[in-house]
Amino acid sequence: AEVTPPSSATKMPVIQVTWLPKACRNAATRKLVADAIIKAVVGVKQAEVTPDKVVVRFGEAVDGFPLPAGHTHENVNDPVPEKK
């Protein structure tokens, strides 16, 4: 995962996860991974980052896996939409 350090103006880290094993390539697991990343970043007191300032995005896989939406503290605990 690559972390973009916050600028002095926004203090908003955008964390891009560019690779996940196939087992993680579903919405439920991505939410768990995003939640863990948000908690890890916020847990570092010296980072001075609050959960509302962290965005976790997942990159597109080489095998054509579609680019999923990003996760924030506001939606990481929302239920996963059911596939039809």
C-alpha atoms as a PDB file:
ATOM      1  CA  ALA A   1       0.000   0.000   0.000  1.00  0.00           C
ATOM      2  CA  GLU A   2       1.178   3.480  -0.779  1.00  0.00           C
ATOM      3  CA  VAL A   3       0.440   6.343   1.612  1.00  0.00           C
ATOM      4  CA  THR A   4       0.231   9.909   0.365  1.00  0.00           C
ATOM      5  CA  PRO A   5       1.373  12.104   3.254  1.00  0.00           C
ATOM      6  CA  PRO A   6      -1.075  14.835   4.226  1.00  0.00           C
ATOM      7  CA  SER A   7      -0.384  18.349   3.042  1.00  0.00           C
ATOM      8  CA  SER A   8      -0.376  21.087   5.648  1.00  0.00           C
ATOM      9  CA  ALA A   9      -3.626  22.475   4.193  1.00  0.00           C
ATOM     10  CA  THR A  10      -5.809  19.363   4.051  1.00  0.00           C
ATOM     11  CA  LYS A  11      -4.161  16.768   6.332  1.00  0.00           C
ATOM     12  CA  MET A  12      -6.017  14.123   4.353  1.00  0.00           C
ATOM     13  CA  PRO A  13      -4.066  10.939   3.670  1.00  0.00           C
ATOM     14  CA  VAL A  14      -5.245   8.993   0.642  1.00  0.00           C
ATOM     15  CA  ILE A  15      -4.098   5.402   0.923  1.00  0.00           C
ATOM     16  CA  GLN A  16      -3.989   3.437  -2.321  1.00  0.00           C
ATOM     17  CA  VAL A  17      -3.891  -0.350  -2.030  1.00  0.00           C
ATOM     18  CA  THR A  18      -2.559  -1.499  -5.366  1.00  0.00           C
ATOM     19  CA  TRP A  19      -2.527  -5.238  -4.847  1.00  0.00           C
ATOM     20  CA  LEU A  20      -4.636  -7.741  -2.965  1.00  0.00           C
ATOM     21  CA  PRO A  21      -4.662 -11.523  -3.271  1.00  0.00           C
ATOM     22  CA  LYS A  22      -7.688 -12.996  -5.021  1.00  0.00           C
ATOM     23  CA  ALA A  23      -9.260 -13.916  -1.670  1.00  0.00           C
ATOM     24  CA  CYS A  24      -9.582 -10.180  -0.910  1.00  0.00           C
ATOM     25  CA  ARG A  25     -11.195  -9.257  -4.181  1.00  0.00           C
ATOM     26  CA  ASN A  26     -14.693  -8.935  -2.825  1.00  0.00           C
ATOM     27  CA  ALA A  27     -16.495  -6.012  -1.239  1.00  0.00           C
ATOM     28  CA  ALA A  28     -16.771  -7.493   2.253  1.00  0.00           C
ATOM     29  CA  THR A  29     -13.045  -8.230   2.559  1.00  0.00           C
ATOM     30  CA  ARG A  30     -12.039  -4.855   1.090  1.00  0.00           C
ATOM     31  CA  LYS A  31     -14.142  -3.160   3.772  1.00  0.00           C
ATOM     32  CA  LEU A  32     -12.343  -5.131   6.495  1.00  0.00           C
ATOM     33  CA  VAL A  33      -8.959  -4.212   4.997  1.00  0.00           C
ATOM     34  CA  ALA A  34      -9.977  -0.534   4.704  1.00  0.00           C
ATOM     35  CA  ASP A  35     -11.206  -0.494   8.306  1.00  0.00           C
ATOM     36  CA  ALA A  36      -7.895  -1.966   9.533  1.00  0.00           C
ATOM     37  CA  ILE A  37      -5.879   0.586   7.526  1.00  0.00           C
ATOM     38  CA  ILE A  38      -7.951   3.516   8.825  1.00  0.00           C
ATOM     39  CA  LYS A  39      -7.540   2.316  12.415  1.00  0.00           C
ATOM     40  CA  ALA A  40      -3.787   1.860  11.931  1.00  0.00           C
ATOM     41  CA  VAL A  41      -3.245   5.363  10.544  1.00  0.00           C
ATOM     42  CA  VAL A  42      -5.457   7.043  13.141  1.00  0.00           C
ATOM     43  CA  GLY A  43      -3.791   5.022  15.905  1.00  0.00           C
ATOM     44  CA  VAL A  44      -0.459   6.781  15.349  1.00  0.00           C
ATOM     45  CA  LYS A  45      -0.829   9.853  17.564  1.00  0.00           C
ATOM     46  CA  GLN A  46       2.114  11.666  15.940  1.00  0.00           C
ATOM     47  CA  ALA A  47       0.308  11.507  12.575  1.00  0.00           C
ATOM     48  CA  GLU A  48      -2.389  13.839  13.919  1.00  0.00           C
ATOM     49  CA  VAL A  49      -4.989  12.264  11.638  1.00  0.00           C
ATOM     50  CA  THR A  50      -8.644  11.733  12.476  1.00  0.00           C
ATOM     51  CA  PRO A  51     -10.813   9.022  10.865  1.00  0.00           C
ATOM     52  CA  ASP A  52     -12.782  11.593   8.873  1.00  0.00           C
ATOM     53  CA  LYS A  53      -9.590  12.563   7.015  1.00  0.00           C
ATOM     54  CA  VAL A  54      -8.561   9.100   5.750  1.00  0.00           C
ATOM     55  CA  VAL A  55      -9.584   7.676   2.361  1.00  0.00           C
ATOM     56  CA  VAL A  56      -8.673   4.127   1.349  1.00  0.00           C
ATOM     57  CA  ARG A  57      -8.847   3.211  -2.337  1.00  0.00           C
ATOM     58  CA  PHE A  58      -8.152  -0.097  -4.007  1.00  0.00           C
ATOM     59  CA  GLY A  59      -6.331  -0.153  -7.339  1.00  0.00           C
ATOM     60  CA  GLU A  60      -7.276  -2.181 -10.360  1.00  0.00           C
ATOM     61  CA  ALA A  61      -5.666  -5.586 -10.569  1.00  0.00           C
ATOM     62  CA  VAL A  62      -3.544  -6.660 -13.518  1.00  0.00           C
ATOM     63  CA  ASP A  63      -6.017  -9.385 -14.438  1.00  0.00           C
ATOM     64  CA  GLY A  64      -8.765  -6.852 -15.203  1.00  0.00           C
ATOM     65  CA  PHE A  65     -10.504  -6.927 -11.836  1.00  0.00           C
ATOM     66  CA  PRO A  66     -12.738  -3.817 -11.807  1.00  0.00           C
ATOM     67  CA  LEU A  67     -11.743  -0.768  -9.780  1.00  0.00           C
ATOM     68  CA  PRO A  68     -13.915  -0.680  -6.639  1.00  0.00           C
ATOM     69  CA  ALA A  69     -15.062   2.447  -4.854  1.00  0.00           C
ATOM     70  CA  GLY A  70     -12.956   3.925  -2.064  1.00  0.00           C
ATOM     71  CA  HIS A  71     -13.763   3.597   1.637  1.00  0.00           C
ATOM     72  CA  THR A  72     -13.867   6.220   4.350  1.00  0.00           C
ATOM     73  CA  HIS A  73     -14.756   6.175   8.042  1.00  0.00           C
ATOM     74  CA  GLU A  74     -18.331   6.988   6.964  1.00  0.00           C
ATOM     75  CA  ASN A  75     -18.924   3.911   4.808  1.00  0.00           C
ATOM     76  CA  VAL A  76     -16.477   1.246   5.968  1.00  0.00           C
ATOM     77  CA  ASN A  77     -19.109  -0.234   8.290  1.00  0.00           C
ATOM     78  CA  ASP A  78     -22.029  -0.031   5.842  1.00  0.00           C
ATOM     79  CA  PRO A  79     -23.452  -3.362   4.728  1.00  0.00           C
ATOM     80  CA  VAL A  80     -22.058  -4.802   1.524  1.00  0.00           C
ATOM     81  CA  PRO A  81     -24.526  -4.559  -1.377  1.00  0.00           C
ATOM     82  CA  GLU A  82     -25.694  -7.956  -2.561  1.00  0.00           C
ATOM     83  CA  LYS A  83     -24.739  -9.032  -6.071  1.00  0.00           C
ATOM     84  CA  LYS A  84     -27.629  -9.842  -8.364  1.00  0.00           C
END
